[in-house]
N, C-alpha and C. Protein backbone atom coordinates (compact mmCIF):
# COMPACT_ATOMS: atom_id res chain seq x y z
N MET A 1 127.65 109.68 57.53
CA MET A 1 126.96 110.92 57.88
C MET A 1 125.85 110.57 58.88
N ASP A 2 125.90 111.26 60.12
CA ASP A 2 124.97 110.86 60.99
C ASP A 2 123.82 112.03 61.27
N LEU A 3 123.74 112.88 60.32
CA LEU A 3 122.88 114.09 60.33
C LEU A 3 121.50 113.64 60.09
N GLU A 4 120.56 113.85 61.15
CA GLU A 4 119.16 113.64 60.99
C GLU A 4 118.50 114.88 60.64
N PHE A 5 117.28 114.90 59.96
CA PHE A 5 116.43 116.06 59.64
C PHE A 5 115.10 115.69 60.31
N PHE A 6 114.56 117.17 60.93
CA PHE A 6 113.43 117.18 61.59
C PHE A 6 112.48 118.26 61.16
N GLU A 7 111.19 117.90 61.07
CA GLU A 7 110.10 118.92 60.80
C GLU A 7 109.94 119.76 62.03
N PRO A 8 109.52 121.10 61.94
CA PRO A 8 109.37 121.82 63.36
C PRO A 8 108.52 120.90 64.50
N ALA A 9 107.53 120.15 63.95
CA ALA A 9 106.58 119.57 64.95
C ALA A 9 107.45 118.28 65.56
N GLU A 10 108.25 117.82 64.97
CA GLU A 10 109.26 116.79 65.38
C GLU A 10 110.38 117.15 66.29
N ALA A 11 110.99 118.40 65.85
CA ALA A 11 112.10 118.94 66.69
C ALA A 11 111.38 119.39 67.87
N ALA A 12 110.29 120.03 67.97
CA ALA A 12 109.66 120.63 69.25
C ALA A 12 109.15 119.49 69.98
N ALA A 13 108.81 118.19 69.68
CA ALA A 13 108.53 117.11 70.41
C ALA A 13 109.84 116.60 71.15
N LEU A 14 110.96 116.79 70.41
CA LEU A 14 112.12 116.17 70.74
C LEU A 14 112.61 117.15 71.79
N MET A 15 112.58 118.44 71.72
CA MET A 15 112.98 119.52 72.73
C MET A 15 112.17 119.83 73.82
N ARG A 16 110.78 119.18 73.64
CA ARG A 16 109.89 119.52 74.82
C ARG A 16 109.75 121.01 74.84
N CYS A 17 109.24 121.56 73.54
CA CYS A 17 109.01 123.13 73.64
C CYS A 17 107.85 123.18 72.53
N SER A 18 107.40 124.29 72.22
CA SER A 18 106.29 124.49 71.37
C SER A 18 106.89 124.60 69.87
N GLU A 19 106.11 124.14 68.93
CA GLU A 19 106.36 124.40 67.51
C GLU A 19 106.48 125.67 67.18
N GLY A 20 105.63 126.77 67.78
CA GLY A 20 105.66 127.87 67.50
C GLY A 20 106.69 128.73 67.92
N TRP A 21 107.33 128.30 68.98
CA TRP A 21 108.50 128.86 69.49
C TRP A 21 109.68 128.66 68.70
N LEU A 22 109.79 127.40 68.06
CA LEU A 22 110.68 127.14 67.11
C LEU A 22 110.64 127.79 65.90
N ARG A 23 109.50 127.73 65.52
CA ARG A 23 109.20 128.60 64.09
C ARG A 23 109.47 130.10 64.15
N ASP A 24 109.06 130.53 65.37
CA ASP A 24 109.20 132.04 65.43
C ASP A 24 110.73 132.30 65.67
N GLY A 25 111.40 131.65 66.41
CA GLY A 25 112.80 131.72 66.38
C GLY A 25 113.50 131.56 65.14
N ALA A 26 113.04 130.87 64.24
CA ALA A 26 113.81 130.34 63.15
C ALA A 26 113.41 131.59 62.25
N ALA A 27 112.07 132.06 62.26
CA ALA A 27 111.84 133.33 61.27
C ALA A 27 112.48 134.55 61.65
N ALA A 28 112.72 134.78 62.86
CA ALA A 28 113.38 136.08 63.45
C ALA A 28 114.88 135.78 63.16
N GLY A 29 115.46 134.56 62.91
CA GLY A 29 116.83 134.62 62.60
C GLY A 29 117.57 134.30 63.76
N ARG A 30 116.94 133.99 65.04
CA ARG A 30 117.40 133.60 66.29
C ARG A 30 118.02 131.99 66.35
N PHE A 31 117.49 131.51 65.62
CA PHE A 31 117.85 129.95 65.55
C PHE A 31 118.22 129.43 64.27
N PRO A 32 119.24 128.59 64.04
CA PRO A 32 119.69 128.08 62.99
C PRO A 32 118.81 127.14 62.43
N HIS A 33 118.39 126.93 61.05
CA HIS A 33 117.60 125.96 60.44
C HIS A 33 117.90 126.25 58.87
N ALA A 34 117.35 125.21 58.24
CA ALA A 34 117.35 125.06 56.86
C ALA A 34 116.00 125.53 56.33
N CYS A 35 115.90 125.96 54.94
CA CYS A 35 114.88 126.05 54.29
C CYS A 35 114.78 125.18 52.99
N TRP A 36 113.72 124.45 52.70
CA TRP A 36 113.82 123.76 51.68
C TRP A 36 112.65 124.00 50.70
N GLY A 37 112.87 123.79 49.35
CA GLY A 37 111.65 124.15 48.54
C GLY A 37 111.08 125.43 48.64
N LYS A 38 109.85 125.70 48.84
CA LYS A 38 109.18 126.81 49.26
C LYS A 38 109.26 127.47 50.41
N GLY A 39 110.25 127.48 51.08
CA GLY A 39 110.45 128.07 52.42
C GLY A 39 109.96 127.06 53.57
N LYS A 40 110.04 125.79 53.35
CA LYS A 40 109.81 124.66 54.34
C LYS A 40 110.92 124.75 55.44
N ILE A 41 110.53 125.02 56.76
CA ILE A 41 111.50 125.00 57.63
C ILE A 41 111.87 123.47 58.13
N VAL A 42 113.07 123.34 58.23
CA VAL A 42 113.74 122.03 58.69
C VAL A 42 114.89 122.24 59.75
N PHE A 43 114.78 121.40 60.56
CA PHE A 43 116.03 121.52 61.59
C PHE A 43 116.89 120.25 61.59
N THR A 44 118.19 120.41 61.62
CA THR A 44 119.02 119.12 61.58
C THR A 44 119.38 118.86 63.07
N SER A 45 119.74 117.68 63.28
CA SER A 45 120.22 117.44 64.70
C SER A 45 121.38 118.36 65.32
N GLU A 46 122.28 119.06 64.33
CA GLU A 46 123.13 119.94 64.72
C GLU A 46 122.49 121.01 65.01
N HIS A 47 121.42 121.55 64.29
CA HIS A 47 120.76 122.73 64.63
C HIS A 47 120.18 122.80 65.96
N ILE A 48 119.51 121.52 66.32
CA ILE A 48 118.68 121.23 67.60
C ILE A 48 119.88 121.47 68.81
N ALA A 49 120.82 120.85 68.57
CA ALA A 49 122.02 120.93 69.71
C ALA A 49 122.50 122.65 69.91
N GLU A 50 122.55 123.13 68.70
CA GLU A 50 122.94 124.63 68.90
C GLU A 50 121.81 125.42 69.47
N ILE A 51 120.41 125.17 69.12
CA ILE A 51 119.41 126.01 69.60
C ILE A 51 119.49 125.68 71.27
N ALA A 52 119.84 124.47 71.78
CA ALA A 52 119.77 124.15 73.25
C ALA A 52 120.93 125.05 73.73
N ARG A 53 122.13 125.14 73.06
CA ARG A 53 123.09 125.76 73.61
C ARG A 53 122.80 127.36 73.69
N LEU A 54 122.14 127.83 72.76
CA LEU A 54 121.82 129.43 72.75
C LEU A 54 120.83 129.68 73.78
N SER A 55 119.93 128.64 74.15
CA SER A 55 118.92 128.76 75.05
C SER A 55 119.33 128.56 76.55
N GLU A 56 120.68 128.15 76.71
CA GLU A 56 121.07 127.61 78.00
C GLU A 56 121.29 128.98 78.80
N ILE A 57 121.04 128.77 80.15
CA ILE A 57 121.36 130.00 80.93
C ILE A 57 122.29 129.34 82.21
N LEU A 58 123.72 129.71 82.25
CA LEU A 58 124.51 129.33 83.03
C LEU A 58 124.41 129.61 84.46
N PRO A 59 124.74 128.91 85.59
CA PRO A 59 124.65 129.50 86.94
C PRO A 59 125.46 130.77 87.12
N GLY A 60 124.99 131.72 87.78
CA GLY A 60 125.48 132.96 87.90
C GLY A 60 125.34 133.94 86.91
N SER A 61 124.90 133.70 85.73
CA SER A 61 124.59 134.57 84.83
C SER A 61 122.94 135.02 84.89
N HIS A 62 122.92 136.43 84.46
CA HIS A 62 121.43 136.79 84.38
C HIS A 62 120.88 136.60 83.30
N PRO A 63 119.48 136.09 83.41
CA PRO A 63 118.71 135.87 82.12
C PRO A 63 118.58 136.80 81.04
N ALA A 64 119.02 138.18 81.35
CA ALA A 64 119.01 139.39 80.48
C ALA A 64 120.22 139.46 79.86
N SER A 65 121.30 138.54 80.28
CA SER A 65 122.62 138.65 79.80
C SER A 65 122.80 137.55 78.85
N ALA A 66 121.68 136.66 78.81
CA ALA A 66 121.72 135.54 77.98
C ALA A 66 121.93 135.97 76.32
N PRO A 67 122.64 135.25 75.48
CA PRO A 67 122.66 135.57 74.17
C PRO A 67 121.12 136.00 73.50
N GLY A 68 121.27 136.92 72.82
CA GLY A 68 119.82 137.43 72.24
C GLY A 68 119.05 138.00 73.25
N GLY A 69 119.28 138.11 74.44
CA GLY A 69 118.36 138.70 75.49
C GLY A 69 118.41 140.28 75.24
N GLY A 70 119.21 140.82 74.95
CA GLY A 70 119.38 142.35 74.97
C GLY A 70 118.97 143.15 76.02
N PRO A 71 118.74 144.35 75.91
CA PRO A 71 118.32 145.21 76.97
C PRO A 71 116.87 144.96 77.31
N THR A 72 116.31 144.96 78.52
CA THR A 72 115.03 144.60 78.79
C THR A 72 114.29 145.91 79.05
N SER A 73 112.95 145.95 78.73
CA SER A 73 112.22 147.27 78.64
C SER A 73 111.13 147.07 79.75
N THR A 74 110.65 148.16 80.29
CA THR A 74 109.43 147.89 81.27
C THR A 74 108.25 147.88 80.45
N ARG A 75 107.26 146.76 80.80
CA ARG A 75 106.17 146.93 80.30
C ARG A 75 105.00 147.74 81.12
N LEU A 76 104.38 148.52 80.32
CA LEU A 76 103.40 149.40 80.74
C LEU A 76 101.98 149.06 80.45
N ILE A 77 100.93 148.81 81.41
CA ILE A 77 99.77 148.66 80.84
C ILE A 77 98.62 149.50 81.41
N GLY A 78 98.29 150.43 80.27
CA GLY A 78 97.26 151.48 80.72
C GLY A 78 97.82 152.74 80.97
N THR A 79 97.05 153.82 80.98
CA THR A 79 97.57 155.12 81.20
C THR A 79 98.29 155.62 82.27
N ARG A 80 97.40 154.96 83.29
CA ARG A 80 98.06 155.40 84.98
C ARG A 80 99.51 154.89 85.11
N ALA A 81 99.82 153.67 84.65
CA ALA A 81 101.27 153.27 84.80
C ALA A 81 102.08 154.25 84.02
N ARG A 82 101.80 154.60 82.86
CA ARG A 82 102.56 155.56 81.94
C ARG A 82 102.77 156.90 82.71
N ASN A 83 101.72 157.31 83.39
CA ASN A 83 101.63 158.52 83.90
C ASN A 83 102.63 158.58 85.18
N ARG A 84 102.53 157.34 85.98
CA ARG A 84 103.23 157.25 87.17
C ARG A 84 104.76 157.14 86.78
N LEU A 85 105.19 156.64 85.82
CA LEU A 85 106.47 156.46 85.18
C LEU A 85 107.05 157.78 84.97
N VAL A 86 106.28 158.72 84.15
CA VAL A 86 106.75 159.95 83.80
C VAL A 86 106.72 160.92 85.17
N SER A 87 105.95 160.80 85.85
CA SER A 87 105.94 161.66 87.18
C SER A 87 107.29 161.51 88.03
């Protein structure tokens, strides 16, 4: 069995991303992970490979069409922008 286990900080260093991004993705159910004990998040080497595949954007594909991308919404800052959109 060649399965390795990583804590979020170790997995983040391996993937060159932030620990918070991994934790948030796991908590939201976007990333595969395991929970041990009282909710300790652990990633296996297979989980890390799957997260990389889920985050992959292939040539010719639009980033919004990526898995989990869903419909995009317009961010409005302030009441002027909201009023312009309604007008």
